[in-house]
Amino acid sequence: MEIQQYIDLIDSFVSVKIDAPRFESGYLALFKKDKVRHSERVFTILNELFYAVDDYVENPDLREGPSDLDDEQLRERAGVALRQLLELDDE
């Protein structure tokens, strides 16, 4: 799985072209089918975002604690991951 697929999906979410539920399902599908052995740095970035996606709770009534993320919190985490992945491209 090329990193560009992640970058494109994350960028679509960060730039509000897709909503959080669509990003969640797309990211989980992409991450779970990814069989590439990425560098440790890339894997760390993707894995941290995976955990953020896992903490995302779409329905506000179901959020129970500070670790449950709303749409904007998930978008912020995705933005961090996107910047980190793009910085790797520049190296």
PDB file of N, CA and C in Angstrom:
ATOM      1  N   MET A   1       0.854  -1.171   0.000  1.00  0.00           N
ATOM      2  CA  MET A   1       0.000   0.000   0.000  1.00  0.00           C
ATOM      3  C   MET A   1       0.902   1.237   0.000  1.00  0.00           C
ATOM      4  N   GLU A   2       0.718   2.054  -0.976  1.00  0.00           N
ATOM      5  CA  GLU A   2       1.546   3.247  -1.043  1.00  0.00           C
ATOM      6  C   GLU A   2       1.070   4.292  -0.042  1.00  0.00           C
ATOM      7  N   ILE A   3       2.008   5.033   0.466  1.00  0.00           N
ATOM      8  CA  ILE A   3       1.706   6.097   1.423  1.00  0.00           C
ATOM      9  C   ILE A   3       0.771   7.131   0.788  1.00  0.00           C
ATOM     10  N   GLN A   4       0.883   7.309  -0.526  1.00  0.00           N
ATOM     11  CA  GLN A   4       0.066   8.312  -1.204  1.00  0.00           C
ATOM     12  C   GLN A   4      -1.424   8.046  -1.017  1.00  0.00           C
ATOM     13  N   GLN A   5      -1.820   6.784  -0.928  1.00  0.00           N
ATOM     14  CA  GLN A   5      -3.240   6.474  -0.695  1.00  0.00           C
ATOM     15  C   GLN A   5      -3.691   7.021   0.660  1.00  0.00           C
ATOM     16  N   TYR A   6      -2.843   6.884   1.668  1.00  0.00           N
ATOM     17  CA  TYR A   6      -3.157   7.449   2.983  1.00  0.00           C
ATOM     18  C   TYR A   6      -3.205   8.972   2.903  1.00  0.00           C
ATOM     19  N   ILE A   7      -2.205   9.550   2.251  1.00  0.00           N
ATOM     20  CA  ILE A   7      -2.135  11.011   2.146  1.00  0.00           C
ATOM     21  C   ILE A   7      -3.393  11.550   1.463  1.00  0.00           C
ATOM     22  N   ASP A   8      -3.805  10.913   0.378  1.00  0.00           N
ATOM     23  CA  ASP A   8      -4.988  11.380  -0.353  1.00  0.00           C
ATOM     24  C   ASP A   8      -6.247  11.297   0.515  1.00  0.00           C
ATOM     25  N   LEU A   9      -6.416  10.182   1.213  1.00  0.00           N
ATOM     26  CA  LEU A   9      -7.594  10.007   2.065  1.00  0.00           C
ATOM     27  C   LEU A   9      -7.593  11.009   3.219  1.00  0.00           C
ATOM     28  N   ILE A  10      -6.454  11.141   3.883  1.00  0.00           N
ATOM     29  CA  ILE A  10      -6.362  12.067   5.018  1.00  0.00           C
ATOM     30  C   ILE A  10      -6.582  13.500   4.550  1.00  0.00           C
ATOM     31  N   ASP A  11      -5.983  13.854   3.415  1.00  0.00           N
ATOM     32  CA  ASP A  11      -6.153  15.206   2.880  1.00  0.00           C
ATOM     33  C   ASP A  11      -7.619  15.490   2.553  1.00  0.00           C
ATOM     34  N   SER A  12      -8.321  14.506   2.018  1.00  0.00           N
ATOM     35  CA  SER A  12      -9.748  14.687   1.728  1.00  0.00           C
ATOM     36  C   SER A  12     -10.531  15.001   2.997  1.00  0.00           C
ATOM     37  N   PHE A  13     -10.161  14.359   4.077  1.00  0.00           N
ATOM     38  CA  PHE A  13     -10.839  14.596   5.354  1.00  0.00           C
ATOM     39  C   PHE A  13     -10.449  15.942   5.955  1.00  0.00           C
ATOM     40  N   VAL A  14      -9.174  16.220   5.986  1.00  0.00           N
ATOM     41  CA  VAL A  14      -8.688  17.471   6.585  1.00  0.00           C
ATOM     42  C   VAL A  14      -9.231  18.683   5.821  1.00  0.00           C
ATOM     43  N   SER A  15      -9.353  18.562   4.506  1.00  0.00           N
ATOM     44  CA  SER A  15      -9.856  19.676   3.695  1.00  0.00           C
ATOM     45  C   SER A  15     -11.387  19.658   3.577  1.00  0.00           C
ATOM     46  N   VAL A  16     -12.032  18.832   4.395  1.00  0.00           N
ATOM     47  CA  VAL A  16     -13.489  18.751   4.534  1.00  0.00           C
ATOM     48  C   VAL A  16     -14.182  18.365   3.219  1.00  0.00           C
ATOM     49  N   LYS A  17     -13.525  17.545   2.421  1.00  0.00           N
ATOM     50  CA  LYS A  17     -14.161  17.009   1.215  1.00  0.00           C
ATOM     51  C   LYS A  17     -14.982  15.764   1.559  1.00  0.00           C
ATOM     52  N   ILE A  18     -14.604  15.100   2.654  1.00  0.00           N
ATOM     53  CA  ILE A  18     -15.386  13.971   3.159  1.00  0.00           C
ATOM     54  C   ILE A  18     -15.619  14.188   4.656  1.00  0.00           C
ATOM     55  N   ASP A  19     -16.664  13.572   5.176  1.00  0.00           N
ATOM     56  CA  ASP A  19     -16.979  13.743   6.593  1.00  0.00           C
ATOM     57  C   ASP A  19     -16.264  12.683   7.441  1.00  0.00           C
ATOM     58  N   ALA A  20     -16.366  12.835   8.739  1.00  0.00           N
ATOM     59  CA  ALA A  20     -15.664  11.956   9.678  1.00  0.00           C
ATOM     60  C   ALA A  20     -16.089  10.492   9.561  1.00  0.00           C
ATOM     61  N   PRO A  21     -17.382  10.182   9.464  1.00  0.00           N
ATOM     62  CA  PRO A  21     -17.758   8.771   9.337  1.00  0.00           C
ATOM     63  C   PRO A  21     -17.187   8.114   8.067  1.00  0.00           C
ATOM     64  N   ARG A  22     -17.186   8.857   6.968  1.00  0.00           N
ATOM     65  CA  ARG A  22     -16.617   8.307   5.730  1.00  0.00           C
ATOM     66  C   ARG A  22     -15.110   8.128   5.862  1.00  0.00           C
ATOM     67  N   PHE A  23     -14.444   9.086   6.497  1.00  0.00           N
ATOM     68  CA  PHE A  23     -13.002   8.948   6.727  1.00  0.00           C
ATOM     69  C   PHE A  23     -12.733   7.739   7.617  1.00  0.00           C
ATOM     70  N   GLU A  24     -13.499   7.598   8.673  1.00  0.00           N
ATOM     71  CA  GLU A  24     -13.319   6.482   9.599  1.00  0.00           C
ATOM     72  C   GLU A  24     -13.386   5.151   8.859  1.00  0.00           C
ATOM     73  N   SER A  25     -14.427   4.948   8.093  1.00  0.00           N
ATOM     74  CA  SER A  25     -14.571   3.665   7.405  1.00  0.00           C
ATOM     75  C   SER A  25     -13.482   3.474   6.346  1.00  0.00           C
ATOM     76  N   GLY A  26     -13.145   4.532   5.629  1.00  0.00           N
ATOM     77  CA  GLY A  26     -12.100   4.450   4.611  1.00  0.00           C
ATOM     78  C   GLY A  26     -10.730   4.168   5.207  1.00  0.00           C
ATOM     79  N   TYR A  27     -10.417   4.854   6.304  1.00  0.00           N
ATOM     80  CA  TYR A  27      -9.108   4.661   6.922  1.00  0.00           C
ATOM     81  C   TYR A  27      -8.983   3.261   7.508  1.00  0.00           C
ATOM     82  N   LEU A  28     -10.009   2.801   8.194  1.00  0.00           N
ATOM     83  CA  LEU A  28      -9.956   1.463   8.779  1.00  0.00           C
ATOM     84  C   LEU A  28      -9.795   0.406   7.696  1.00  0.00           C
ATOM     85  N   ALA A  29     -10.509   0.546   6.598  1.00  0.00           N
ATOM     86  CA  ALA A  29     -10.395  -0.415   5.496  1.00  0.00           C
ATOM     87  C   ALA A  29      -8.992  -0.390   4.901  1.00  0.00           C
ATOM     88  N   LEU A  30      -8.461   0.792   4.671  1.00  0.00           N
ATOM     89  CA  LEU A  30      -7.123   0.937   4.099  1.00  0.00           C
ATOM     90  C   LEU A  30      -6.067   0.363   5.029  1.00  0.00           C
ATOM     91  N   PHE A  31      -6.151   0.703   6.286  1.00  0.00           N
ATOM     92  CA  PHE A  31      -5.152   0.273   7.267  1.00  0.00           C
ATOM     93  C   PHE A  31      -5.171  -1.248   7.437  1.00  0.00           C
ATOM     94  N   LYS A  32      -6.371  -1.815   7.503  1.00  0.00           N
ATOM     95  CA  LYS A  32      -6.487  -3.256   7.753  1.00  0.00           C
ATOM     96  C   LYS A  32      -6.044  -4.102   6.577  1.00  0.00           C
ATOM     97  N   LYS A  33      -6.175  -3.603   5.351  1.00  0.00           N
ATOM     98  CA  LYS A  33      -5.759  -4.396   4.199  1.00  0.00           C
ATOM     99  C   LYS A  33      -4.313  -4.126   3.783  1.00  0.00           C
ATOM    100  N   ASP A  34      -3.657  -3.209   4.462  1.00  0.00           N
ATOM    101  CA  ASP A  34      -2.281  -2.825   4.139  1.00  0.00           C
ATOM    102  C   ASP A  34      -1.308  -3.918   4.595  1.00  0.00           C
ATOM    103  N   LYS A  35      -0.627  -4.536   3.653  1.00  0.00           N
ATOM    104  CA  LYS A  35       0.333  -5.611   3.953  1.00  0.00           C
ATOM    105  C   LYS A  35       1.788  -5.167   3.782  1.00  0.00           C
ATOM    106  N   VAL A  36       1.995  -3.898   3.461  1.00  0.00           N
ATOM    107  CA  VAL A  36       3.337  -3.367   3.242  1.00  0.00           C
ATOM    108  C   VAL A  36       4.061  -3.204   4.573  1.00  0.00           C
ATOM    109  N   ARG A  37       5.330  -3.547   4.576  1.00  0.00           N
ATOM    110  CA  ARG A  37       6.154  -3.307   5.769  1.00  0.00           C
ATOM    111  C   ARG A  37       6.741  -1.899   5.641  1.00  0.00           C
ATOM    112  N   HIS A  38       6.050  -0.956   6.244  1.00  0.00           N
ATOM    113  CA  HIS A  38       6.480   0.436   6.187  1.00  0.00           C
ATOM    114  C   HIS A  38       7.657   0.646   7.138  1.00  0.00           C
ATOM    115  N   SER A  39       8.356   1.746   6.916  1.00  0.00           N
ATOM    116  CA  SER A  39       9.421   2.113   7.850  1.00  0.00           C
ATOM    117  C   SER A  39       8.807   2.305   9.231  1.00  0.00           C
ATOM    118  N   GLU A  40       9.634   2.245  10.240  1.00  0.00           N
ATOM    119  CA  GLU A  40       9.137   2.400  11.610  1.00  0.00           C
ATOM    120  C   GLU A  40       8.447   3.745  11.789  1.00  0.00           C
ATOM    121  N   ARG A  41       9.005   4.799  11.207  1.00  0.00           N
ATOM    122  CA  ARG A  41       8.431   6.147  11.350  1.00  0.00           C
ATOM    123  C   ARG A  41       7.049   6.228  10.696  1.00  0.00           C
ATOM    124  N   VAL A  42       6.937   5.696   9.482  1.00  0.00           N
ATOM    125  CA  VAL A  42       5.652   5.716   8.775  1.00  0.00           C
ATOM    126  C   VAL A  42       4.633   4.891   9.549  1.00  0.00           C
ATOM    127  N   PHE A  43       5.029   3.700   9.984  1.00  0.00           N
ATOM    128  CA  PHE A  43       4.102   2.856  10.728  1.00  0.00           C
ATOM    129  C   PHE A  43       3.623   3.556  11.999  1.00  0.00           C
ATOM    130  N   THR A  44       4.524   4.234  12.691  1.00  0.00           N
ATOM    131  CA  THR A  44       4.152   4.941  13.924  1.00  0.00           C
ATOM    132  C   THR A  44       3.096   6.012  13.633  1.00  0.00           C
ATOM    133  N   ILE A  45       3.285   6.776  12.581  1.00  0.00           N
ATOM    134  CA  ILE A  45       2.322   7.820  12.212  1.00  0.00           C
ATOM    135  C   ILE A  45       0.969   7.200  11.882  1.00  0.00           C
ATOM    136  N   LEU A  46       0.985   6.166  11.040  1.00  0.00           N
ATOM    137  CA  LEU A  46      -0.266   5.525  10.624  1.00  0.00           C
ATOM    138  C   LEU A  46      -0.954   4.837  11.791  1.00  0.00           C
ATOM    139  N   ASN A  47      -0.184   4.235  12.661  1.00  0.00           N
ATOM    140  CA  ASN A  47      -0.741   3.525  13.809  1.00  0.00           C
ATOM    141  C   ASN A  47      -1.346   4.501  14.820  1.00  0.00           C
ATOM    142  N   GLU A  48      -0.679   5.627  15.047  1.00  0.00           N
ATOM    143  CA  GLU A  48      -1.225   6.635  15.957  1.00  0.00           C
ATOM    144  C   GLU A  48      -2.561   7.157  15.427  1.00  0.00           C
ATOM    145  N   LEU A  49      -2.638   7.353  14.113  1.00  0.00           N
ATOM    146  CA  LEU A  49      -3.896   7.803  13.533  1.00  0.00           C
ATOM    147  C   LEU A  49      -4.946   6.694  13.615  1.00  0.00           C
ATOM    148  N   PHE A  50      -4.531   5.455  13.473  1.00  0.00           N
ATOM    149  CA  PHE A  50      -5.456   4.331  13.633  1.00  0.00           C
ATOM    150  C   PHE A  50      -6.106   4.373  15.013  1.00  0.00           C
ATOM    151  N   TYR A  51      -5.301   4.607  16.039  1.00  0.00           N
ATOM    152  CA  TYR A  51      -5.855   4.676  17.402  1.00  0.00           C
ATOM    153  C   TYR A  51      -6.785   5.870  17.561  1.00  0.00           C
ATOM    154  N   ALA A  52      -6.468   6.981  16.918  1.00  0.00           N
ATOM    155  CA  ALA A  52      -7.363   8.146  16.968  1.00  0.00           C
ATOM    156  C   ALA A  52      -8.685   7.819  16.281  1.00  0.00           C
ATOM    157  N   VAL A  53      -8.612   7.154  15.137  1.00  0.00           N
ATOM    158  CA  VAL A  53      -9.834   6.749  14.431  1.00  0.00           C
ATOM    159  C   VAL A  53     -10.643   5.791  15.300  1.00  0.00           C
ATOM    160  N   ASP A  54      -9.949   4.908  15.976  1.00  0.00           N
ATOM    161  CA  ASP A  54     -10.615   3.959  16.867  1.00  0.00           C
ATOM    162  C   ASP A  54     -11.306   4.670  18.036  1.00  0.00           C
ATOM    163  N   ASP A  55     -10.747   5.802  18.459  1.00  0.00           N
ATOM    164  CA  ASP A  55     -11.330   6.579  19.562  1.00  0.00           C
ATOM    165  C   ASP A  55     -12.467   7.495  19.113  1.00  0.00           C
ATOM    166  N   TYR A  56     -12.652   7.613  17.808  1.00  0.00           N
ATOM    167  CA  TYR A  56     -13.704   8.474  17.274  1.00  0.00           C
ATOM    168  C   TYR A  56     -15.073   7.867  17.573  1.00  0.00           C
ATOM    169  N   VAL A  57     -15.972   8.713  18.082  1.00  0.00           N
ATOM    170  CA  VAL A  57     -17.354   8.297  18.356  1.00  0.00           C
ATOM    171  C   VAL A  57     -18.267   9.307  17.655  1.00  0.00           C
ATOM    172  N   GLU A  58     -18.943   8.835  16.623  1.00  0.00           N
ATOM    173  CA  GLU A  58     -19.768   9.730  15.811  1.00  0.00           C
ATOM    174  C   GLU A  58     -20.909  10.364  16.612  1.00  0.00           C
ATOM    175  N   ASN A  59     -21.606   9.564  17.384  1.00  0.00           N
ATOM    176  CA  ASN A  59     -22.780  10.037  18.125  1.00  0.00           C
ATOM    177  C   ASN A  59     -22.345  10.703  19.437  1.00  0.00           C
ATOM    178  N   PRO A  60     -22.616  12.006  19.597  1.00  0.00           N
ATOM    179  CA  PRO A  60     -22.211  12.705  20.822  1.00  0.00           C
ATOM    180  C   PRO A  60     -22.800  12.099  22.095  1.00  0.00           C
ATOM    181  N   ASP A  61     -23.987  11.510  21.997  1.00  0.00           N
ATOM    182  CA  ASP A  61     -24.626  10.910  23.170  1.00  0.00           C
ATOM    183  C   ASP A  61     -23.896   9.663  23.664  1.00  0.00           C
ATOM    184  N   LEU A  62     -23.051   9.095  22.808  1.00  0.00           N
ATOM    185  CA  LEU A  62     -22.341   7.866  23.181  1.00  0.00           C
ATOM    186  C   LEU A  62     -20.909   8.116  23.654  1.00  0.00           C
ATOM    187  N   ARG A  63     -20.460   9.359  23.567  1.00  0.00           N
ATOM    188  CA  ARG A  63     -19.102   9.680  24.043  1.00  0.00           C
ATOM    189  C   ARG A  63     -19.093   9.638  25.558  1.00  0.00           C
ATOM    190  N   GLU A  64     -18.160   8.870  26.102  1.00  0.00           N
ATOM    191  CA  GLU A  64     -18.172   8.640  27.547  1.00  0.00           C
ATOM    192  C   GLU A  64     -17.015   9.280  28.304  1.00  0.00           C
ATOM    193  N   GLY A  65     -15.935   9.553  27.642  1.00  0.00           N
ATOM    194  CA  GLY A  65     -14.802  10.076  28.386  1.00  0.00           C
ATOM    195  C   GLY A  65     -13.910  10.935  27.523  1.00  0.00           C
ATOM    196  N   PRO A  66     -12.833  11.421  28.135  1.00  0.00           N
ATOM    197  CA  PRO A  66     -11.942  12.339  27.420  1.00  0.00           C
ATOM    198  C   PRO A  66     -11.205  11.692  26.243  1.00  0.00           C
ATOM    199  N   SER A  67     -11.139  10.366  26.212  1.00  0.00           N
ATOM    200  CA  SER A  67     -10.451   9.718  25.096  1.00  0.00           C
ATOM    201  C   SER A  67     -11.350   9.565  23.868  1.00  0.00           C
ATOM    202  N   ASP A  68     -12.667   9.749  24.023  1.00  0.00           N
ATOM    203  CA  ASP A  68     -13.581   9.677  22.893  1.00  0.00           C
ATOM    204  C   ASP A  68     -13.482  10.971  22.090  1.00  0.00           C
ATOM    205  N   LEU A  69     -13.235  10.839  20.794  1.00  0.00           N
ATOM    206  CA  LEU A  69     -13.016  12.007  19.943  1.00  0.00           C
ATOM    207  C   LEU A  69     -14.262  12.357  19.149  1.00  0.00           C
ATOM    208  N   ASP A  70     -14.484  13.668  18.957  1.00  0.00           N
ATOM    209  CA  ASP A  70     -15.540  14.124  18.066  1.00  0.00           C
ATOM    210  C   ASP A  70     -14.945  14.389  16.681  1.00  0.00           C
ATOM    211  N   ASP A  71     -15.764  14.865  15.764  1.00  0.00           N
ATOM    212  CA  ASP A  71     -15.320  15.069  14.379  1.00  0.00           C
ATOM    213  C   ASP A  71     -14.112  16.004  14.293  1.00  0.00           C
ATOM    214  N   GLU A  72     -14.191  17.126  14.981  1.00  0.00           N
ATOM    215  CA  GLU A  72     -13.111  18.114  14.887  1.00  0.00           C
ATOM    216  C   GLU A  72     -11.818  17.616  15.540  1.00  0.00           C
ATOM    217  N   GLN A  73     -11.936  16.918  16.636  1.00  0.00           N
ATOM    218  CA  GLN A  73     -10.742  16.363  17.278  1.00  0.00           C
ATOM    219  C   GLN A  73     -10.073  15.336  16.370  1.00  0.00           C
ATOM    220  N   LEU A  74     -10.875  14.524  15.708  1.00  0.00           N
ATOM    221  CA  LEU A  74     -10.322  13.552  14.769  1.00  0.00           C
ATOM    222  C   LEU A  74      -9.679  14.268  13.592  1.00  0.00           C
ATOM    223  N   ARG A  75     -10.316  15.334  13.104  1.00  0.00           N
ATOM    224  CA  ARG A  75      -9.745  16.094  11.987  1.00  0.00           C
ATOM    225  C   ARG A  75      -8.407  16.720  12.398  1.00  0.00           C
ATOM    226  N   GLU A  76      -8.300  17.186  13.637  1.00  0.00           N
ATOM    227  CA  GLU A  76      -7.028  17.736  14.125  1.00  0.00           C
ATOM    228  C   GLU A  76      -5.943  16.674  14.138  1.00  0.00           C
ATOM    229  N   ARG A  77      -6.268  15.488  14.651  1.00  0.00           N
ATOM    230  CA  ARG A  77      -5.294  14.393  14.684  1.00  0.00           C
ATOM    231  C   ARG A  77      -4.881  13.972  13.274  1.00  0.00           C
ATOM    232  N   ALA A  78      -5.851  13.952  12.380  1.00  0.00           N
ATOM    233  CA  ALA A  78      -5.554  13.604  10.988  1.00  0.00           C
ATOM    234  C   ALA A  78      -4.637  14.654  10.363  1.00  0.00           C
ATOM    235  N   GLY A  79      -4.867  15.913  10.705  1.00  0.00           N
ATOM    236  CA  GLY A  79      -4.015  16.985  10.195  1.00  0.00           C
ATOM    237  C   GLY A  79      -2.574  16.838  10.655  1.00  0.00           C
ATOM    238  N   VAL A  80      -2.390  16.446  11.891  1.00  0.00           N
ATOM    239  CA  VAL A  80      -1.037  16.207  12.418  1.00  0.00           C
ATOM    240  C   VAL A  80      -0.376  15.075  11.638  1.00  0.00           C
ATOM    241  N   ALA A  81      -1.110  13.976  11.452  1.00  0.00           N
ATOM    242  CA  ALA A  81      -0.571  12.833  10.720  1.00  0.00           C
ATOM    243  C   ALA A  81      -0.229  13.226   9.283  1.00  0.00           C
ATOM    244  N   LEU A  82      -1.092  14.008   8.661  1.00  0.00           N
ATOM    245  CA  LEU A  82      -0.848  14.444   7.287  1.00  0.00           C
ATOM    246  C   LEU A  82       0.432  15.262   7.199  1.00  0.00           C
ATOM    247  N   ARG A  83       0.600  16.201   8.094  1.00  0.00           N
ATOM    248  CA  ARG A  83       1.821  17.021   8.097  1.00  0.00           C
ATOM    249  C   ARG A  83       3.058  16.142   8.281  1.00  0.00           C
ATOM    250  N   GLN A  84       2.973  15.177   9.189  1.00  0.00           N
ATOM    251  CA  GLN A  84       4.111  14.290   9.432  1.00  0.00           C
ATOM    252  C   GLN A  84       4.436  13.453   8.194  1.00  0.00           C
ATOM    253  N   LEU A  85       3.420  12.939   7.530  1.00  0.00           N
ATOM    254  CA  LEU A  85       3.654  12.137   6.325  1.00  0.00           C
ATOM    255  C   LEU A  85       4.235  12.989   5.201  1.00  0.00           C
ATOM    256  N   LEU A  86       3.745  14.207   5.064  1.00  0.00           N
ATOM    257  CA  LEU A  86       4.266  15.092   4.023  1.00  0.00           C
ATOM    258  C   LEU A  86       5.702  15.510   4.319  1.00  0.00           C
ATOM    259  N   GLU A  87       6.036  15.679   5.584  1.00  0.00           N
ATOM    260  CA  GLU A  87       7.413  16.001   5.948  1.00  0.00           C
ATOM    261  C   GLU A  87       8.351  14.865   5.573  1.00  0.00           C
ATOM    262  N   LEU A  88       7.890  13.634   5.691  1.00  0.00           N
ATOM    263  CA  LEU A  88       8.706  12.475   5.307  1.00  0.00           C
ATOM    264  C   LEU A  88       9.001  12.515   3.813  1.00  0.00           C
ATOM    265  N   ASP A  89       8.023  12.954   3.023  1.00  0.00           N
ATOM    266  CA  ASP A  89       8.222  13.064   1.576  1.00  0.00           C
ATOM    267  C   ASP A  89       9.326  14.056   1.241  1.00  0.00           C
ATOM    268  N   ASP A  90       9.486  15.066   2.088  1.00  0.00           N
ATOM    269  CA  ASP A  90      10.490  16.105   1.844  1.00  0.00           C
ATOM    270  C   ASP A  90      11.894  15.661   2.235  1.00  0.00           C
ATOM    271  N   GLU A  91      12.001  14.592   3.007  1.00  0.00           N
ATOM    272  CA  GLU A  91      13.317  14.171   3.492  1.00  0.00           C
ATOM    273  C   GLU A  91      14.124  13.505   2.415  1.00  0.00           C
TER     274      GLU A  91
END
